[in-house]
């Protein structure tokens, strides 16, 4: 599948929702791109198949342009790894400073350090998918 883009207004809304969710992740915990994406409802104009295929990647784009008050380092890939890119070593260092260790394969133990997500009440109050977590 070719890269599907969100129209500007939908991208702006999607990124804002991502950042709002990520601000809820406490220090010492991590979430995956897919976990964050699952909380965000599909834009009405987006076919379901395209949205499911691209939403985790869009979370990554949101993290790449997040404001300073968003703890971007707490979002990692589904393998428990920091995705290879510019800033990856900084991300790892920030997580370690929060008490999140990496094993010899450079993975975070998601069984111990995965964030359980916001409450269903918080998700509903913010018009997000409460059944995603």
N, C-alpha and C. Protein backbone atom coordinates (compact mmCIF):
# COMPACT_ATOMS: atom_id res chain seq x y z
N UNK A 1 0.85 -1.18 0.00
CA UNK A 1 0.00 0.00 0.00
C UNK A 1 0.89 1.24 0.00
N UNK A 2 0.53 2.19 -0.82
CA UNK A 2 1.24 3.46 -0.82
C UNK A 2 0.96 4.19 0.47
N UNK A 3 1.83 5.12 0.78
CA UNK A 3 1.66 5.95 1.98
C UNK A 3 0.37 6.77 1.86
N UNK A 4 -0.52 6.61 2.79
CA UNK A 4 -1.77 7.37 2.82
C UNK A 4 -1.55 8.57 3.73
N UNK A 5 -1.93 9.73 3.26
CA UNK A 5 -1.75 10.95 4.03
C UNK A 5 -3.09 11.40 4.60
N UNK A 6 -3.03 11.97 5.77
CA UNK A 6 -4.21 12.62 6.35
C UNK A 6 -4.28 14.05 5.82
N UNK A 7 -5.46 14.51 5.45
CA UNK A 7 -5.59 15.92 5.09
C UNK A 7 -5.16 16.79 6.28
N UNK A 8 -4.72 18.01 5.99
CA UNK A 8 -4.14 18.89 7.00
C UNK A 8 -5.00 19.02 8.26
N UNK A 9 -6.29 19.31 8.09
CA UNK A 9 -7.14 19.52 9.28
C UNK A 9 -7.28 18.25 10.09
N UNK A 10 -7.38 17.11 9.45
CA UNK A 10 -7.46 15.84 10.17
C UNK A 10 -6.13 15.49 10.82
N UNK A 11 -5.04 15.80 10.13
CA UNK A 11 -3.71 15.54 10.71
C UNK A 11 -3.50 16.39 11.96
N UNK A 12 -3.90 17.65 11.90
CA UNK A 12 -3.77 18.53 13.05
C UNK A 12 -4.55 17.99 14.23
N UNK A 13 -5.77 17.54 13.99
CA UNK A 13 -6.60 16.98 15.06
C UNK A 13 -5.99 15.67 15.59
N UNK A 14 -5.53 14.81 14.68
CA UNK A 14 -4.94 13.53 15.06
C UNK A 14 -3.70 13.77 15.94
N UNK A 15 -2.81 14.65 15.51
CA UNK A 15 -1.60 14.93 16.28
C UNK A 15 -1.96 15.46 17.67
N UNK A 16 -2.92 16.36 17.74
CA UNK A 16 -3.33 16.92 19.04
C UNK A 16 -3.86 15.82 19.96
N UNK A 17 -4.60 14.87 19.39
CA UNK A 17 -5.12 13.75 20.19
C UNK A 17 -3.97 12.87 20.67
N UNK A 18 -3.01 12.61 19.80
CA UNK A 18 -1.84 11.81 20.19
C UNK A 18 -1.13 12.47 21.36
N UNK A 19 -0.86 13.75 21.23
CA UNK A 19 -0.11 14.45 22.28
C UNK A 19 -0.88 14.47 23.60
N UNK A 20 -2.18 14.62 23.53
CA UNK A 20 -3.01 14.62 24.75
C UNK A 20 -2.90 13.26 25.45
N UNK A 21 -2.95 12.19 24.69
CA UNK A 21 -2.83 10.85 25.26
C UNK A 21 -1.44 10.64 25.84
N UNK A 22 -0.42 10.97 25.08
CA UNK A 22 0.96 10.72 25.51
C UNK A 22 1.29 11.49 26.79
N UNK A 23 0.70 12.65 26.96
CA UNK A 23 0.92 13.41 28.20
C UNK A 23 0.42 12.66 29.43
N UNK A 24 -0.43 11.66 29.23
CA UNK A 24 -0.95 10.88 30.35
C UNK A 24 0.00 9.76 30.80
N UNK A 25 0.98 9.41 29.98
CA UNK A 25 1.89 8.31 30.31
C UNK A 25 2.82 8.76 31.44
N UNK A 26 2.81 8.07 32.56
CA UNK A 26 3.67 8.48 33.68
C UNK A 26 5.14 8.11 33.43
N UNK A 27 6.02 8.83 34.09
CA UNK A 27 7.45 8.50 34.04
C UNK A 27 7.63 7.05 34.49
N UNK A 28 8.55 6.37 33.82
CA UNK A 28 8.83 4.97 34.17
C UNK A 28 7.94 3.97 33.46
N UNK A 29 7.06 4.47 32.57
CA UNK A 29 6.19 3.60 31.79
C UNK A 29 6.34 3.94 30.31
N UNK A 30 6.00 3.00 29.45
CA UNK A 30 6.04 3.21 28.00
C UNK A 30 4.75 2.73 27.37
N UNK A 31 4.46 3.27 26.20
CA UNK A 31 3.34 2.81 25.38
C UNK A 31 3.88 2.58 23.98
N UNK A 32 3.15 1.82 23.20
CA UNK A 32 3.56 1.60 21.82
C UNK A 32 2.80 2.53 20.89
N UNK A 33 3.37 2.72 19.71
CA UNK A 33 2.71 3.54 18.70
C UNK A 33 1.31 3.02 18.41
N UNK A 34 1.19 1.71 18.27
CA UNK A 34 -0.11 1.10 17.99
C UNK A 34 -1.10 1.27 19.13
N UNK A 35 -0.62 1.19 20.36
CA UNK A 35 -1.50 1.38 21.52
C UNK A 35 -2.10 2.78 21.50
N UNK A 36 -1.25 3.78 21.28
CA UNK A 36 -1.74 5.16 21.24
C UNK A 36 -2.72 5.31 20.08
N UNK A 37 -2.38 4.77 18.93
CA UNK A 37 -3.24 4.89 17.75
C UNK A 37 -4.62 4.28 17.98
N UNK A 38 -4.67 3.19 18.72
CA UNK A 38 -5.95 2.50 18.93
C UNK A 38 -6.95 3.35 19.71
N UNK A 39 -6.47 4.31 20.47
CA UNK A 39 -7.39 5.17 21.23
C UNK A 39 -8.04 6.25 20.37
N UNK A 40 -7.50 6.49 19.20
CA UNK A 40 -7.96 7.61 18.37
C UNK A 40 -8.96 7.11 17.34
N UNK A 41 -10.17 7.67 17.34
CA UNK A 41 -11.18 7.25 16.37
C UNK A 41 -10.74 7.54 14.93
N UNK A 42 -11.20 6.72 14.03
CA UNK A 42 -10.91 6.90 12.60
C UNK A 42 -11.59 8.16 12.10
N UNK A 43 -10.85 9.01 11.37
CA UNK A 43 -11.49 10.18 10.75
C UNK A 43 -12.59 9.72 9.79
N UNK A 44 -13.69 10.41 9.76
CA UNK A 44 -14.84 10.02 8.95
C UNK A 44 -14.50 9.85 7.48
N UNK A 45 -13.59 10.65 6.98
CA UNK A 45 -13.26 10.60 5.55
C UNK A 45 -12.26 9.49 5.19
N UNK A 46 -11.76 8.79 6.19
CA UNK A 46 -10.71 7.80 5.97
C UNK A 46 -11.28 6.38 5.91
N UNK A 47 -11.01 5.64 4.84
CA UNK A 47 -11.43 4.24 4.80
C UNK A 47 -10.79 3.45 5.95
N UNK A 48 -11.54 2.57 6.55
CA UNK A 48 -11.08 1.78 7.70
C UNK A 48 -9.76 1.07 7.40
N UNK A 49 -9.65 0.44 6.26
CA UNK A 49 -8.44 -0.31 5.93
C UNK A 49 -7.21 0.60 5.88
N UNK A 50 -7.34 1.76 5.28
CA UNK A 50 -6.22 2.71 5.22
C UNK A 50 -5.86 3.20 6.61
N UNK A 51 -6.87 3.49 7.41
CA UNK A 51 -6.61 4.00 8.76
C UNK A 51 -5.87 2.96 9.60
N UNK A 52 -6.33 1.73 9.57
CA UNK A 52 -5.68 0.68 10.36
C UNK A 52 -4.24 0.44 9.90
N UNK A 53 -4.00 0.58 8.61
CA UNK A 53 -2.66 0.36 8.07
C UNK A 53 -1.69 1.47 8.41
N UNK A 54 -2.18 2.69 8.60
CA UNK A 54 -1.30 3.85 8.74
C UNK A 54 -1.27 4.50 10.12
N UNK A 55 -2.23 4.22 10.97
CA UNK A 55 -2.39 5.01 12.19
C UNK A 55 -1.19 4.95 13.13
N UNK A 56 -0.54 3.81 13.29
CA UNK A 56 0.63 3.73 14.18
C UNK A 56 1.77 4.57 13.61
N UNK A 57 1.93 4.54 12.30
CA UNK A 57 2.97 5.36 11.67
C UNK A 57 2.68 6.85 11.89
N UNK A 58 1.41 7.23 11.81
CA UNK A 58 1.04 8.63 12.04
C UNK A 58 1.35 9.06 13.48
N UNK A 59 1.20 8.13 14.42
CA UNK A 59 1.59 8.43 15.80
C UNK A 59 3.08 8.74 15.83
N UNK A 60 3.87 7.98 15.10
CA UNK A 60 5.30 8.25 15.01
C UNK A 60 5.58 9.63 14.46
N UNK A 61 4.85 10.03 13.44
CA UNK A 61 5.02 11.38 12.88
C UNK A 61 4.66 12.43 13.92
N UNK A 62 3.60 12.18 14.68
CA UNK A 62 3.20 13.13 15.73
C UNK A 62 4.29 13.24 16.78
N UNK A 63 4.90 12.11 17.14
CA UNK A 63 5.97 12.15 18.13
C UNK A 63 7.17 12.93 17.60
N UNK A 64 7.42 12.83 16.31
CA UNK A 64 8.54 13.53 15.70
C UNK A 64 8.37 15.04 15.68
N UNK A 65 7.16 15.50 15.85
CA UNK A 65 6.92 16.96 15.84
C UNK A 65 6.20 17.42 17.09
N UNK A 66 6.37 16.68 18.18
CA UNK A 66 5.63 17.00 19.40
C UNK A 66 6.17 18.25 20.08
N UNK A 67 5.28 18.97 20.75
CA UNK A 67 5.71 20.13 21.54
C UNK A 67 6.60 19.68 22.70
N UNK A 68 7.31 20.63 23.29
CA UNK A 68 8.25 20.33 24.37
C UNK A 68 7.61 19.70 25.59
N UNK A 69 6.33 19.94 25.82
CA UNK A 69 5.69 19.40 27.03
C UNK A 69 5.14 17.99 26.85
N UNK A 70 5.42 17.36 25.72
CA UNK A 70 4.97 15.99 25.46
C UNK A 70 6.14 15.03 25.70
N UNK A 71 5.96 14.03 26.57
CA UNK A 71 7.04 13.09 26.87
C UNK A 71 7.20 12.04 25.76
N UNK A 72 7.63 12.49 24.60
CA UNK A 72 7.75 11.67 23.40
C UNK A 72 8.58 10.40 23.60
N UNK A 73 9.52 10.46 24.52
CA UNK A 73 10.42 9.32 24.72
C UNK A 73 9.67 8.09 25.23
N UNK A 74 8.49 8.26 25.75
CA UNK A 74 7.74 7.14 26.35
C UNK A 74 6.96 6.32 25.34
N UNK A 75 7.08 6.63 24.07
CA UNK A 75 6.39 5.87 23.02
C UNK A 75 7.44 5.12 22.21
N UNK A 76 7.31 3.79 22.22
CA UNK A 76 8.28 2.92 21.55
C UNK A 76 7.53 1.96 20.62
N UNK A 77 8.28 1.13 19.90
CA UNK A 77 7.60 0.22 18.97
C UNK A 77 7.08 -1.04 19.67
N UNK A 78 6.32 -1.81 18.95
CA UNK A 78 5.65 -2.98 19.54
C UNK A 78 6.61 -4.10 19.94
N UNK A 79 7.85 -4.02 19.51
CA UNK A 79 8.87 -4.99 19.93
C UNK A 79 9.52 -4.58 21.24
N UNK A 80 9.12 -3.43 21.78
CA UNK A 80 9.73 -2.94 23.00
C UNK A 80 11.02 -2.20 22.75
N UNK A 81 11.23 -1.79 21.51
CA UNK A 81 12.47 -1.11 21.14
C UNK A 81 12.24 0.35 20.79
N UNK A 82 13.30 1.11 20.89
CA UNK A 82 13.31 2.46 20.37
C UNK A 82 13.53 2.31 18.86
N UNK A 83 12.67 2.92 18.07
CA UNK A 83 12.81 2.82 16.61
C UNK A 83 14.07 3.54 16.15
N UNK A 84 14.81 2.92 15.23
CA UNK A 84 16.05 3.55 14.76
C UNK A 84 15.77 4.81 13.95
N UNK A 85 16.30 5.92 14.41
CA UNK A 85 16.13 7.22 13.76
C UNK A 85 16.98 8.22 14.50
N UNK A 86 17.03 9.43 13.98
CA UNK A 86 17.74 10.51 14.67
C UNK A 86 17.06 10.72 16.03
N UNK A 87 17.83 10.78 17.07
CA UNK A 87 17.28 10.98 18.41
C UNK A 87 17.04 9.70 19.18
N UNK A 88 17.31 8.56 18.57
CA UNK A 88 17.05 7.27 19.24
C UNK A 88 17.88 7.10 20.51
N UNK A 89 19.14 7.50 20.45
CA UNK A 89 20.00 7.36 21.64
C UNK A 89 19.53 8.28 22.76
N UNK A 90 19.08 9.47 22.40
CA UNK A 90 18.53 10.40 23.40
C UNK A 90 17.30 9.79 24.03
N UNK A 91 16.43 9.20 23.22
CA UNK A 91 15.21 8.57 23.73
C UNK A 91 15.56 7.48 24.72
N UNK A 92 16.51 6.62 24.36
CA UNK A 92 16.93 5.53 25.25
C UNK A 92 17.47 6.10 26.56
N UNK A 93 18.30 7.12 26.47
CA UNK A 93 18.89 7.73 27.68
C UNK A 93 17.81 8.33 28.57
N UNK A 94 16.83 9.00 27.98
CA UNK A 94 15.75 9.59 28.77
C UNK A 94 14.93 8.51 29.48
N UNK A 95 14.65 7.42 28.79
CA UNK A 95 13.90 6.32 29.41
C UNK A 95 14.70 5.68 30.55
N UNK A 96 15.97 5.46 30.33
CA UNK A 96 16.80 4.89 31.39
C UNK A 96 16.85 5.83 32.60
N UNK A 97 16.88 7.12 32.36
CA UNK A 97 16.88 8.09 33.46
C UNK A 97 15.57 8.04 34.25
N UNK A 98 14.49 7.58 33.61
CA UNK A 98 13.20 7.42 34.28
C UNK A 98 13.06 6.05 34.94
N UNK A 99 14.10 5.23 34.85
CA UNK A 99 14.06 3.91 35.47
C UNK A 99 13.57 2.80 34.57
N UNK A 100 13.54 3.04 33.27
CA UNK A 100 13.12 2.01 32.31
C UNK A 100 14.39 1.37 31.74
N UNK A 101 14.69 0.13 32.13
CA UNK A 101 15.92 -0.52 31.64
C UNK A 101 15.71 -1.19 30.28
N UNK A 102 16.81 -1.40 29.60
CA UNK A 102 16.83 -2.13 28.34
C UNK A 102 17.63 -3.40 28.55
N UNK A 103 17.19 -4.48 27.91
CA UNK A 103 17.93 -5.74 28.05
C UNK A 103 19.07 -5.80 27.04
N UNK A 104 19.73 -6.92 26.95
CA UNK A 104 20.89 -7.06 26.07
C UNK A 104 20.52 -6.95 24.59
N UNK A 105 19.24 -7.13 24.28
CA UNK A 105 18.78 -6.98 22.89
C UNK A 105 18.18 -5.60 22.64
N UNK A 106 18.41 -4.68 23.60
CA UNK A 106 17.95 -3.30 23.51
C UNK A 106 16.42 -3.19 23.50
N UNK A 107 15.79 -4.05 24.29
CA UNK A 107 14.33 -4.06 24.41
C UNK A 107 13.93 -3.71 25.84
N UNK A 108 12.76 -3.07 25.93
CA UNK A 108 12.11 -2.81 27.21
C UNK A 108 11.19 -3.99 27.48
N UNK A 109 11.16 -4.46 28.70
CA UNK A 109 10.25 -5.53 29.08
C UNK A 109 8.84 -4.94 29.18
N UNK A 110 8.04 -5.15 28.14
CA UNK A 110 6.69 -4.57 28.11
C UNK A 110 5.78 -5.17 29.18
N UNK A 111 6.07 -6.39 29.61
CA UNK A 111 5.27 -6.98 30.69
C UNK A 111 5.41 -6.19 31.98
N UNK A 112 6.55 -5.55 32.18
CA UNK A 112 6.80 -4.79 33.40
C UNK A 112 6.58 -3.29 33.24
N UNK A 113 6.91 -2.76 32.07
CA UNK A 113 6.96 -1.31 31.92
C UNK A 113 5.90 -0.72 30.99
N UNK A 114 5.03 -1.58 30.44
CA UNK A 114 3.98 -1.06 29.55
C UNK A 114 2.92 -0.32 30.37
N UNK A 115 2.53 0.81 29.88
CA UNK A 115 1.47 1.62 30.48
C UNK A 115 0.13 0.95 30.18
N UNK A 116 -0.72 0.88 31.16
CA UNK A 116 -2.03 0.24 30.96
C UNK A 116 -3.02 1.16 30.26
N UNK A 117 -2.65 2.41 30.06
CA UNK A 117 -3.52 3.35 29.34
C UNK A 117 -4.35 4.18 30.28
N UNK A 118 -4.97 5.21 29.71
CA UNK A 118 -5.84 6.06 30.53
C UNK A 118 -7.12 5.32 30.89
N UNK A 119 -7.82 5.85 31.86
CA UNK A 119 -9.08 5.21 32.26
C UNK A 119 -10.10 5.36 31.13
N UNK A 120 -11.05 4.44 31.10
CA UNK A 120 -12.12 4.53 30.10
C UNK A 120 -12.90 5.83 30.27
N UNK A 121 -13.05 6.26 31.51
CA UNK A 121 -13.75 7.53 31.76
C UNK A 121 -13.01 8.69 31.09
N UNK A 122 -11.68 8.76 31.27
CA UNK A 122 -10.90 9.82 30.66
C UNK A 122 -11.00 9.75 29.14
N UNK A 123 -10.91 8.54 28.61
CA UNK A 123 -11.02 8.37 27.16
C UNK A 123 -12.37 8.87 26.65
N UNK A 124 -13.44 8.47 27.32
CA UNK A 124 -14.79 8.93 26.89
C UNK A 124 -14.91 10.44 27.00
N UNK A 125 -14.41 11.02 28.08
CA UNK A 125 -14.47 12.47 28.28
C UNK A 125 -13.75 13.23 27.16
N UNK A 126 -12.75 12.57 26.58
CA UNK A 126 -11.94 13.20 25.53
C UNK A 126 -12.29 12.69 24.13
N UNK A 127 -13.46 12.06 24.02
CA UNK A 127 -13.98 11.57 22.73
C UNK A 127 -13.00 10.62 22.03
N UNK A 128 -12.41 9.74 22.82
CA UNK A 128 -11.48 8.75 22.30
C UNK A 128 -12.08 7.36 22.47
N UNK A 129 -11.44 6.37 21.89
CA UNK A 129 -11.94 4.99 21.93
C UNK A 129 -11.69 4.38 23.31
N UNK A 130 -12.75 4.24 24.08
CA UNK A 130 -12.62 3.70 25.43
C UNK A 130 -12.41 2.20 25.43
N UNK A 131 -12.75 1.52 24.38
CA UNK A 131 -12.61 0.06 24.35
C UNK A 131 -11.26 -0.38 23.79
N UNK A 132 -10.39 0.58 23.45
CA UNK A 132 -9.13 0.23 22.80
C UNK A 132 -8.11 -0.39 23.73
N UNK A 133 -8.08 0.03 24.98
CA UNK A 133 -7.06 -0.44 25.91
C UNK A 133 -7.36 -1.79 26.40
